[in-house]
């Protein structure tokens, strides 16, 4: 019959199935290596500035702080300040610029879990602070004549405080509507870590002390400060590290949610 197309048995070509999404751990490792390579090239001068800033603060306070509890607060707060400068301040700027420049669209097209992007970047920026933090802590112990026998506590303080601060920095950068506001929030967060972490807690008003308790890095500072005692209270050190770990999980979870929200808008 005219106008009827004979059935040849051919069927429309079926769409090829999409490749499965990458698993979390391999994707996390790939993002971590990429971010660490990028940070190694671009952030070394800033890491030097962060270390020099923290050491300079300790040198200035050496003239007004003789020792005791105040000295422990100064050294531990200055050491964690290096982490705050890089993991909080710079990561907030990075994600703010990534969102404004369309970089999140690139990550969204890849079969990479959102958690891998956030955790990989946070881990890279946090681990990048290790040399500066160790140098600051050792220099502070020499300046204030503090014992270094338990300085290995840094091995726990660094990743836990780094995770908490990096998660906070990523969340600030992803939630800020403009990169300028992300930079401002990162700077304010670092300033809070400086004022509330370095200055001795017993010399602050009670209202400021409450704000200090809300800062994620406070518990890392407290754990490191306790380790300078001749006989540290390890239960209290463990409790501080536990709180720091819980805050880190919470802040990284919020950052992952913020990444999903920013990538789908």
C-alpha atoms as a PDB file:
ATOM      1  CA  UNK A   1       0.000   0.000   0.000  1.00  0.00           C
ATOM      2  CA  UNK A   2       1.326   3.414  -0.889  1.00  0.00           C
ATOM      3  CA  UNK A   3       2.710   5.490   1.980  1.00  0.00           C
ATOM      4  CA  UNK A   4       3.310   2.529   4.257  1.00  0.00           C
ATOM      5  CA  UNK A   5       6.895   1.940   5.320  1.00  0.00           C
ATOM      6  CA  UNK A   6       7.666  -1.771   5.427  1.00  0.00           C
ATOM      7  CA  UNK A   7       8.852  -3.169   8.738  1.00  0.00           C
ATOM      8  CA  UNK A   8      12.413  -4.342   8.210  1.00  0.00           C
ATOM      9  CA  UNK A   9      12.876  -5.526  11.753  1.00  0.00           C
ATOM     10  CA  UNK A  10      15.335  -2.723  12.609  1.00  0.00           C
ATOM     11  CA  UNK A  11      14.902  -0.998  15.912  1.00  0.00           C
ATOM     12  CA  UNK A  12      16.094   2.482  16.966  1.00  0.00           C
ATOM     13  CA  UNK A  13      19.556   2.336  18.412  1.00  0.00           C
ATOM     14  CA  UNK A  14      19.382   2.119  22.173  1.00  0.00           C
ATOM     15  CA  UNK A  15      21.316   4.721  24.168  1.00  0.00           C
ATOM     16  CA  UNK A  16      24.550   3.426  25.577  1.00  0.00           C
ATOM     17  CA  UNK A  17      24.458   3.146  29.366  1.00  0.00           C
ATOM     18  CA  UNK A  18      26.371   5.790  31.274  1.00  0.00           C
ATOM     19  CA  UNK A  19      29.535   4.835  33.044  1.00  0.00           C
ATOM     20  CA  UNK A  20      29.018   4.083  36.740  1.00  0.00           C
ATOM     21  CA  UNK A  21      29.892   6.792  39.223  1.00  0.00           C
ATOM     22  CA  UNK A  22      33.328   6.539  40.737  1.00  0.00           C
ATOM     23  CA  UNK A  23      33.524   5.067  44.186  1.00  0.00           C
ATOM     24  CA  UNK A  24      34.166   7.444  47.061  1.00  0.00           C
ATOM     25  CA  UNK A  25      37.649   6.317  48.114  1.00  0.00           C
ATOM     26  CA  UNK A  26      39.308   6.274  44.638  1.00  0.00           C
ATOM     27  CA  UNK A  27      37.619   9.568  43.720  1.00  0.00           C
ATOM     28  CA  UNK A  28      38.719  11.077  47.029  1.00  0.00           C
ATOM     29  CA  UNK A  29      42.310  10.023  46.368  1.00  0.00           C
ATOM     30  CA  UNK A  30      42.249  11.512  42.863  1.00  0.00           C
ATOM     31  CA  UNK A  31      40.837  14.846  44.039  1.00  0.00           C
ATOM     32  CA  UNK A  32      43.288  14.924  46.955  1.00  0.00           C
ATOM     33  CA  UNK A  33      46.318  14.392  44.700  1.00  0.00           C
ATOM     34  CA  UNK A  34      45.129  16.995  42.215  1.00  0.00           C
ATOM     35  CA  UNK A  35      44.447  19.599  44.895  1.00  0.00           C
ATOM     36  CA  UNK A  36      47.702  18.893  46.702  1.00  0.00           C
ATOM     37  CA  UNK A  37      49.666  19.322  43.472  1.00  0.00           C
ATOM     38  CA  UNK A  38      47.897  22.611  42.805  1.00  0.00           C
ATOM     39  CA  UNK A  39      48.409  23.849  46.350  1.00  0.00           C
ATOM     40  CA  UNK A  40      52.080  22.904  46.317  1.00  0.00           C
ATOM     41  CA  UNK A  41      52.698  25.272  43.428  1.00  0.00           C
ATOM     42  CA  UNK A  42      50.370  28.139  44.305  1.00  0.00           C
ATOM     43  CA  UNK A  43      50.276  28.180  48.110  1.00  0.00           C
ATOM     44  CA  UNK A  44      53.897  27.846  49.230  1.00  0.00           C
ATOM     45  CA  UNK A  45      54.380  31.644  49.529  1.00  0.00           C
ATOM     46  CA  UNK A  46      51.133  31.897  51.525  1.00  0.00           C
ATOM     47  CA  UNK A  47      52.183  29.067  53.805  1.00  0.00           C
ATOM     48  CA  UNK A  48      55.407  30.950  54.485  1.00  0.00           C
ATOM     49  CA  UNK A  49      53.345  34.028  55.342  1.00  0.00           C
ATOM     50  CA  UNK A  50      51.108  31.999  57.677  1.00  0.00           C
ATOM     51  CA  UNK A  51      54.110  30.497  59.477  1.00  0.00           C
ATOM     52  CA  UNK A  52      55.928  33.821  59.688  1.00  0.00           C
ATOM     53  CA  UNK A  53      52.768  35.467  61.035  1.00  0.00           C
ATOM     54  CA  UNK A  54      52.331  32.886  63.795  1.00  0.00           C
ATOM     55  CA  UNK A  55      55.996  32.970  64.800  1.00  0.00           C
ATOM     56  CA  UNK A  56      55.879  36.775  64.807  1.00  0.00           C
ATOM     57  CA  UNK A  57      52.878  36.760  67.148  1.00  0.00           C
ATOM     58  CA  UNK A  58      54.749  34.525  69.575  1.00  0.00           C
ATOM     59  CA  UNK A  59      57.815  36.747  69.462  1.00  0.00           C
ATOM     60  CA  UNK A  60      55.682  39.815  70.212  1.00  0.00           C
ATOM     61  CA  UNK A  61      53.867  38.125  73.095  1.00  0.00           C
ATOM     62  CA  UNK A  62      57.123  36.796  74.524  1.00  0.00           C
ATOM     63  CA  UNK A  63      57.720  40.219  76.005  1.00  0.00           C
ATOM     64  CA  UNK A  64      54.468  40.209  78.002  1.00  0.00           C
ATOM     65  CA  UNK A  65      53.981  36.494  78.730  1.00  0.00           C
ATOM     66  CA  UNK A  66      56.455  34.880  81.077  1.00  0.00           C
ATOM     67  CA  UNK A  67      55.239  31.300  81.166  1.00  0.00           C
ATOM     68  CA  UNK A  68      52.653  29.035  82.726  1.00  0.00           C
ATOM     69  CA  UNK A  69      49.151  28.673  81.359  1.00  0.00           C
ATOM     70  CA  UNK A  70      49.426  31.820  79.253  1.00  0.00           C
ATOM     71  CA  UNK A  71      52.549  30.568  77.457  1.00  0.00           C
ATOM     72  CA  UNK A  72      50.874  27.264  76.651  1.00  0.00           C
ATOM     73  CA  UNK A  73      47.882  29.099  75.205  1.00  0.00           C
ATOM     74  CA  UNK A  74      50.065  31.333  73.062  1.00  0.00           C
ATOM     75  CA  UNK A  75      52.095  28.465  71.590  1.00  0.00           C
ATOM     76  CA  UNK A  76      49.157  26.135  70.973  1.00  0.00           C
ATOM     77  CA  UNK A  77      46.963  28.914  69.578  1.00  0.00           C
ATOM     78  CA  UNK A  78      49.701  30.168  67.261  1.00  0.00           C
ATOM     79  CA  UNK A  79      50.332  26.641  65.985  1.00  0.00           C
ATOM     80  CA  UNK A  80      46.664  26.035  65.148  1.00  0.00           C
ATOM     81  CA  UNK A  81      46.480  29.517  63.614  1.00  0.00           C
ATOM     82  CA  UNK A  82      48.586  28.228  60.703  1.00  0.00           C
ATOM     83  CA  UNK A  83      45.858  25.652  60.053  1.00  0.00           C
ATOM     84  CA  UNK A  84      43.175  28.344  60.257  1.00  0.00           C
ATOM     85  CA  UNK A  85      44.998  30.574  57.774  1.00  0.00           C
ATOM     86  CA  UNK A  86      45.276  27.858  55.125  1.00  0.00           C
ATOM     87  CA  UNK A  87      42.410  25.422  55.772  1.00  0.00           C
ATOM     88  CA  UNK A  88      39.775  28.012  56.676  1.00  0.00           C
ATOM     89  CA  UNK A  89      40.768  31.269  55.016  1.00  0.00           C
ATOM     90  CA  UNK A  90      42.258  30.016  51.751  1.00  0.00           C
ATOM     91  CA  UNK A  91      39.720  27.222  51.285  1.00  0.00           C
ATOM     92  CA  UNK A  92      36.848  29.687  51.695  1.00  0.00           C
ATOM     93  CA  UNK A  93      38.434  31.841  49.000  1.00  0.00           C
ATOM     94  CA  UNK A  94      39.041  28.837  46.743  1.00  0.00           C
ATOM     95  CA  UNK A  95      35.468  27.544  46.820  1.00  0.00           C
ATOM     96  CA  UNK A  96      34.094  31.074  46.530  1.00  0.00           C
ATOM     97  CA  UNK A  97      36.098  31.656  43.357  1.00  0.00           C
ATOM     98  CA  UNK A  98      35.292  28.154  42.080  1.00  0.00           C
ATOM     99  CA  UNK A  99      31.596  28.821  42.425  1.00  0.00           C
ATOM    100  CA  UNK A 100      31.753  32.289  40.861  1.00  0.00           C
ATOM    101  CA  UNK A 101      33.935  31.163  37.933  1.00  0.00           C
ATOM    102  CA  UNK A 102      31.820  28.160  36.989  1.00  0.00           C
ATOM    103  CA  UNK A 103      34.336  25.632  38.223  1.00  0.00           C
ATOM    104  CA  UNK A 104      31.633  23.717  40.056  1.00  0.00           C
ATOM    105  CA  UNK A 105      30.020  22.987  36.683  1.00  0.00           C
ATOM    106  CA  UNK A 106      33.158  21.102  35.689  1.00  0.00           C
ATOM    107  CA  UNK A 107      33.059  18.949  38.804  1.00  0.00           C
ATOM    108  CA  UNK A 108      29.322  18.405  38.367  1.00  0.00           C
ATOM    109  CA  UNK A 109      29.862  16.813  34.948  1.00  0.00           C
ATOM    110  CA  UNK A 110      32.317  14.285  36.343  1.00  0.00           C
ATOM    111  CA  UNK A 111      31.150  10.970  37.836  1.00  0.00           C
ATOM    112  CA  UNK A 112      32.611  11.974  41.181  1.00  0.00           C
ATOM    113  CA  UNK A 113      30.623  11.939  44.437  1.00  0.00           C
ATOM    114  CA  UNK A 114      30.170  15.421  45.930  1.00  0.00           C
ATOM    115  CA  UNK A 115      31.686  14.234  49.199  1.00  0.00           C
ATOM    116  CA  UNK A 116      34.901  13.303  47.353  1.00  0.00           C
ATOM    117  CA  UNK A 117      35.302  16.848  45.996  1.00  0.00           C
ATOM    118  CA  UNK A 118      34.795  18.481  49.383  1.00  0.00           C
ATOM    119  CA  UNK A 119      36.809  15.957  51.396  1.00  0.00           C
ATOM    120  CA  UNK A 120      39.626  15.826  48.848  1.00  0.00           C
ATOM    121  CA  UNK A 121      40.062  19.595  48.760  1.00  0.00           C
ATOM    122  CA  UNK A 122      39.742  19.888  52.535  1.00  0.00           C
ATOM    123  CA  UNK A 123      42.297  17.130  53.141  1.00  0.00           C
ATOM    124  CA  UNK A 124      44.761  18.664  50.685  1.00  0.00           C
ATOM    125  CA  UNK A 125      44.588  22.124  52.246  1.00  0.00           C
ATOM    126  CA  UNK A 126      44.747  20.723  55.776  1.00  0.00           C
ATOM    127  CA  UNK A 127      47.743  18.478  55.085  1.00  0.00           C
ATOM    128  CA  UNK A 128      49.499  21.369  53.393  1.00  0.00           C
ATOM    129  CA  UNK A 129      49.710  23.093  56.791  1.00  0.00           C
ATOM    130  CA  UNK A 130      51.776  20.343  58.457  1.00  0.00           C
ATOM    131  CA  UNK A 131      55.282  21.853  57.944  1.00  0.00           C
ATOM    132  CA  UNK A 132      54.284  25.330  59.103  1.00  0.00           C
ATOM    133  CA  UNK A 133      52.437  24.037  62.163  1.00  0.00           C
ATOM    134  CA  UNK A 134      55.359  21.851  63.263  1.00  0.00           C
ATOM    135  CA  UNK A 135      57.845  24.706  62.782  1.00  0.00           C
ATOM    136  CA  UNK A 136      55.606  27.077  64.759  1.00  0.00           C
ATOM    137  CA  UNK A 137      55.115  24.613  67.621  1.00  0.00           C
ATOM    138  CA  UNK A 138      58.823  23.803  67.941  1.00  0.00           C
ATOM    139  CA  UNK A 139      59.779  27.494  67.756  1.00  0.00           C
ATOM    140  CA  UNK A 140      57.204  28.325  70.429  1.00  0.00           C
ATOM    141  CA  UNK A 141      58.502  25.609  72.742  1.00  0.00           C
ATOM    142  CA  UNK A 142      62.005  27.047  72.409  1.00  0.00           C
ATOM    143  CA  UNK A 143      60.851  30.641  72.965  1.00  0.00           C
ATOM    144  CA  UNK A 144      58.734  29.888  76.034  1.00  0.00           C
ATOM    145  CA  UNK A 145      60.855  26.975  77.299  1.00  0.00           C
ATOM    146  CA  UNK A 146      58.011  24.474  77.119  1.00  0.00           C
ATOM    147  CA  UNK A 147      58.618  20.701  77.108  1.00  0.00           C
ATOM    148  CA  UNK A 148      58.473  18.942  73.744  1.00  0.00           C
ATOM    149  CA  UNK A 149      58.078  15.402  75.100  1.00  0.00           C
ATOM    150  CA  UNK A 150      54.384  15.237  74.175  1.00  0.00           C
ATOM    151  CA  UNK A 151      54.509  17.271  71.006  1.00  0.00           C
ATOM    152  CA  UNK A 152      53.418  14.133  69.148  1.00  0.00           C
ATOM    153  CA  UNK A 153      49.871  15.196  70.067  1.00  0.00           C
ATOM    154  CA  UNK A 154      50.146  17.363  66.964  1.00  0.00           C
ATOM    155  CA  UNK A 155      49.673  14.172  64.938  1.00  0.00           C
ATOM    156  CA  UNK A 156      46.087  14.060  66.227  1.00  0.00           C
ATOM    157  CA  UNK A 157      45.450  17.802  66.514  1.00  0.00           C
ATOM    158  CA  UNK A 158      46.452  18.573  62.930  1.00  0.00           C
ATOM    159  CA  UNK A 159      44.022  16.295  61.059  1.00  0.00           C
ATOM    160  CA  UNK A 160      41.123  16.872  63.456  1.00  0.00           C
ATOM    161  CA  UNK A 161      41.439  20.651  63.706  1.00  0.00           C
ATOM    162  CA  UNK A 162      42.269  20.764  60.001  1.00  0.00           C
ATOM    163  CA  UNK A 163      39.102  18.839  59.125  1.00  0.00           C
ATOM    164  CA  UNK A 164      36.937  21.091  61.308  1.00  0.00           C
ATOM    165  CA  UNK A 165      38.414  24.311  59.936  1.00  0.00           C
ATOM    166  CA  UNK A 166      38.565  23.098  56.329  1.00  0.00           C
ATOM    167  CA  UNK A 167      34.926  22.030  56.451  1.00  0.00           C
ATOM    168  CA  UNK A 168      33.977  25.422  57.843  1.00  0.00           C
ATOM    169  CA  UNK A 169      36.026  27.201  55.181  1.00  0.00           C
ATOM    170  CA  UNK A 170      34.502  25.143  52.359  1.00  0.00           C
ATOM    171  CA  UNK A 171      30.991  25.777  53.663  1.00  0.00           C
ATOM    172  CA  UNK A 172      31.609  29.525  53.893  1.00  0.00           C
ATOM    173  CA  UNK A 173      32.971  29.632  50.350  1.00  0.00           C
ATOM    174  CA  UNK A 174      30.101  27.589  48.887  1.00  0.00           C
ATOM    175  CA  UNK A 175      27.314  29.388  50.747  1.00  0.00           C
ATOM    176  CA  UNK A 176      28.562  32.930  50.168  1.00  0.00           C
ATOM    177  CA  UNK A 177      26.635  34.516  47.276  1.00  0.00           C
ATOM    178  CA  UNK A 178      29.727  36.329  45.990  1.00  0.00           C
ATOM    179  CA  UNK A 179      33.461  35.534  46.101  1.00  0.00           C
ATOM    180  CA  UNK A 180      34.145  38.815  47.878  1.00  0.00           C
ATOM    181  CA  UNK A 181      31.904  37.743  50.742  1.00  0.00           C
ATOM    182  CA  UNK A 182      33.618  34.339  50.833  1.00  0.00           C
ATOM    183  CA  UNK A 183      36.974  36.092  51.193  1.00  0.00           C
ATOM    184  CA  UNK A 184      35.559  38.335  53.927  1.00  0.00           C
ATOM    185  CA  UNK A 185      34.131  35.361  55.837  1.00  0.00           C
ATOM    186  CA  UNK A 186      37.444  33.514  55.567  1.00  0.00           C
ATOM    187  CA  UNK A 187      39.321  36.529  56.899  1.00  0.00           C
ATOM    188  CA  UNK A 188      36.888  36.963  59.772  1.00  0.00           C
ATOM    189  CA  UNK A 189      37.176  33.288  60.660  1.00  0.00           C
ATOM    190  CA  UNK A 190      40.950  33.481  60.708  1.00  0.00           C
ATOM    191  CA  UNK A 191      40.804  36.631  62.843  1.00  0.00           C
ATOM    192  CA  UNK A 192      38.520  34.826  65.287  1.00  0.00           C
ATOM    193  CA  UNK A 193      41.026  31.948  65.466  1.00  0.00           C
ATOM    194  CA  UNK A 194      43.751  34.492  66.175  1.00  0.00           C
ATOM    195  CA  UNK A 195      41.955  36.468  68.878  1.00  0.00           C
ATOM    196  CA  UNK A 196      40.132  33.591  70.579  1.00  0.00           C
ATOM    197  CA  UNK A 197      42.812  30.944  70.189  1.00  0.00           C
ATOM    198  CA  UNK A 198      46.075  32.714  70.932  1.00  0.00           C
ATOM    199  CA  UNK A 199      44.999  34.890  73.857  1.00  0.00           C
ATOM    200  CA  UNK A 200      44.728  33.070  77.205  1.00  0.00           C
ATOM    201  CA  UNK A 201      41.146  32.059  77.977  1.00  0.00           C
ATOM    202  CA  UNK A 202      41.297  33.108  81.636  1.00  0.00           C
ATOM    203  CA  UNK A 203      41.944  36.713  80.620  1.00  0.00           C
ATOM    204  CA  UNK A 204      38.814  36.996  78.454  1.00  0.00           C
ATOM    205  CA  UNK A 205      35.336  38.187  79.507  1.00  0.00           C
ATOM    206  CA  UNK A 206      32.761  35.449  79.939  1.00  0.00           C
ATOM    207  CA  UNK A 207      30.853  36.487  76.806  1.00  0.00           C
ATOM    208  CA  UNK A 208      34.016  36.149  74.710  1.00  0.00           C
ATOM    209  CA  UNK A 209      34.658  32.798  76.368  1.00  0.00           C
ATOM    210  CA  UNK A 210      31.297  31.527  75.087  1.00  0.00           C
ATOM    211  CA  UNK A 211      32.221  32.608  71.566  1.00  0.00           C
ATOM    212  CA  UNK A 212      35.531  30.813  71.996  1.00  0.00           C
ATOM    213  CA  UNK A 213      33.709  27.589  72.824  1.00  0.00           C
ATOM    214  CA  UNK A 214      31.859  27.817  69.481  1.00  0.00           C
ATOM    215  CA  UNK A 215      35.056  28.066  67.433  1.00  0.00           C
ATOM    216  CA  UNK A 216      36.004  24.634  66.004  1.00  0.00           C
ATOM    217  CA  UNK A 217      39.727  25.134  66.488  1.00  0.00           C
ATOM    218  CA  UNK A 218      39.366  25.855  70.213  1.00  0.00           C
ATOM    219  CA  UNK A 219      39.337  22.188  71.154  1.00  0.00           C
ATOM    220  CA  UNK A 220      42.465  21.456  69.156  1.00  0.00           C
ATOM    221  CA  UNK A 221      44.157  24.383  70.879  1.00  0.00           C
ATOM    222  CA  UNK A 222      43.075  23.093  74.288  1.00  0.00           C
ATOM    223  CA  UNK A 223      44.304  19.561  73.560  1.00  0.00           C
ATOM    224  CA  UNK A 224      47.715  20.827  72.455  1.00  0.00           C
ATOM    225  CA  UNK A 225      47.968  23.206  75.420  1.00  0.00           C
ATOM    226  CA  UNK A 226      47.264  20.378  77.891  1.00  0.00           C
ATOM    227  CA  UNK A 227      50.070  18.309  76.356  1.00  0.00           C
ATOM    228  CA  UNK A 228      52.625  20.856  77.595  1.00  0.00           C
ATOM    229  CA  UNK A 229      51.931  19.909  81.222  1.00  0.00           C
ATOM    230  CA  UNK A 230      54.514  17.756  82.956  1.00  0.00           C
ATOM    231  CA  UNK A 231      51.772  15.186  83.626  1.00  0.00           C
ATOM    232  CA  UNK A 232      49.030  15.793  81.034  1.00  0.00           C
ATOM    233  CA  UNK A 233      45.438  14.890  81.763  1.00  0.00           C
ATOM    234  CA  UNK A 234      45.030  12.472  78.881  1.00  0.00           C
ATOM    235  CA  UNK A 235      41.320  12.016  79.534  1.00  0.00           C
ATOM    236  CA  UNK A 236      40.780  15.741  79.021  1.00  0.00           C
ATOM    237  CA  UNK A 237      43.043  15.689  75.950  1.00  0.00           C
ATOM    238  CA  UNK A 238      41.019  12.830  74.492  1.00  0.00           C
ATOM    239  CA  UNK A 239      37.763  14.626  75.247  1.00  0.00           C
ATOM    240  CA  UNK A 240      38.963  17.777  73.465  1.00  0.00           C
ATOM    241  CA  UNK A 241      40.065  15.735  70.457  1.00  0.00           C
ATOM    242  CA  UNK A 242      36.725  13.917  70.455  1.00  0.00           C
ATOM    243  CA  UNK A 243      34.809  17.193  70.330  1.00  0.00           C
ATOM    244  CA  UNK A 244      37.132  18.420  67.581  1.00  0.00           C
ATOM    245  CA  UNK A 245      36.462  15.239  65.587  1.00  0.00           C
ATOM    246  CA  UNK A 246      32.692  15.578  66.012  1.00  0.00           C
ATOM    247  CA  UNK A 247      32.789  19.201  64.875  1.00  0.00           C
ATOM    248  CA  UNK A 248      34.923  18.154  61.908  1.00  0.00           C
ATOM    249  CA  UNK A 249      32.377  15.544  60.798  1.00  0.00           C
ATOM    250  CA  UNK A 250      29.568  18.074  61.192  1.00  0.00           C
ATOM    251  CA  UNK A 251      31.350  20.868  59.307  1.00  0.00           C
ATOM    252  CA  UNK A 252      32.391  18.549  56.445  1.00  0.00           C
ATOM    253  CA  UNK A 253      28.817  17.284  56.223  1.00  0.00           C
ATOM    254  CA  UNK A 254      27.518  20.855  55.963  1.00  0.00           C
ATOM    255  CA  UNK A 255      30.173  21.618  53.321  1.00  0.00           C
ATOM    256  CA  UNK A 256      29.078  18.571  51.275  1.00  0.00           C
ATOM    257  CA  UNK A 257      25.454  19.699  51.454  1.00  0.00           C
ATOM    258  CA  UNK A 258      26.517  23.223  50.426  1.00  0.00           C
ATOM    259  CA  UNK A 259      28.431  21.782  47.458  1.00  0.00           C
ATOM    260  CA  UNK A 260      25.385  19.843  46.247  1.00  0.00           C
ATOM    261  CA  UNK A 261      23.246  22.939  46.663  1.00  0.00           C
ATOM    262  CA  UNK A 262      25.690  25.182  44.746  1.00  0.00           C
ATOM    263  CA  UNK A 263      26.326  22.631  41.972  1.00  0.00           C
ATOM    264  CA  UNK A 264      22.631  22.110  41.185  1.00  0.00           C
ATOM    265  CA  UNK A 265      21.563  25.756  41.119  1.00  0.00           C
END
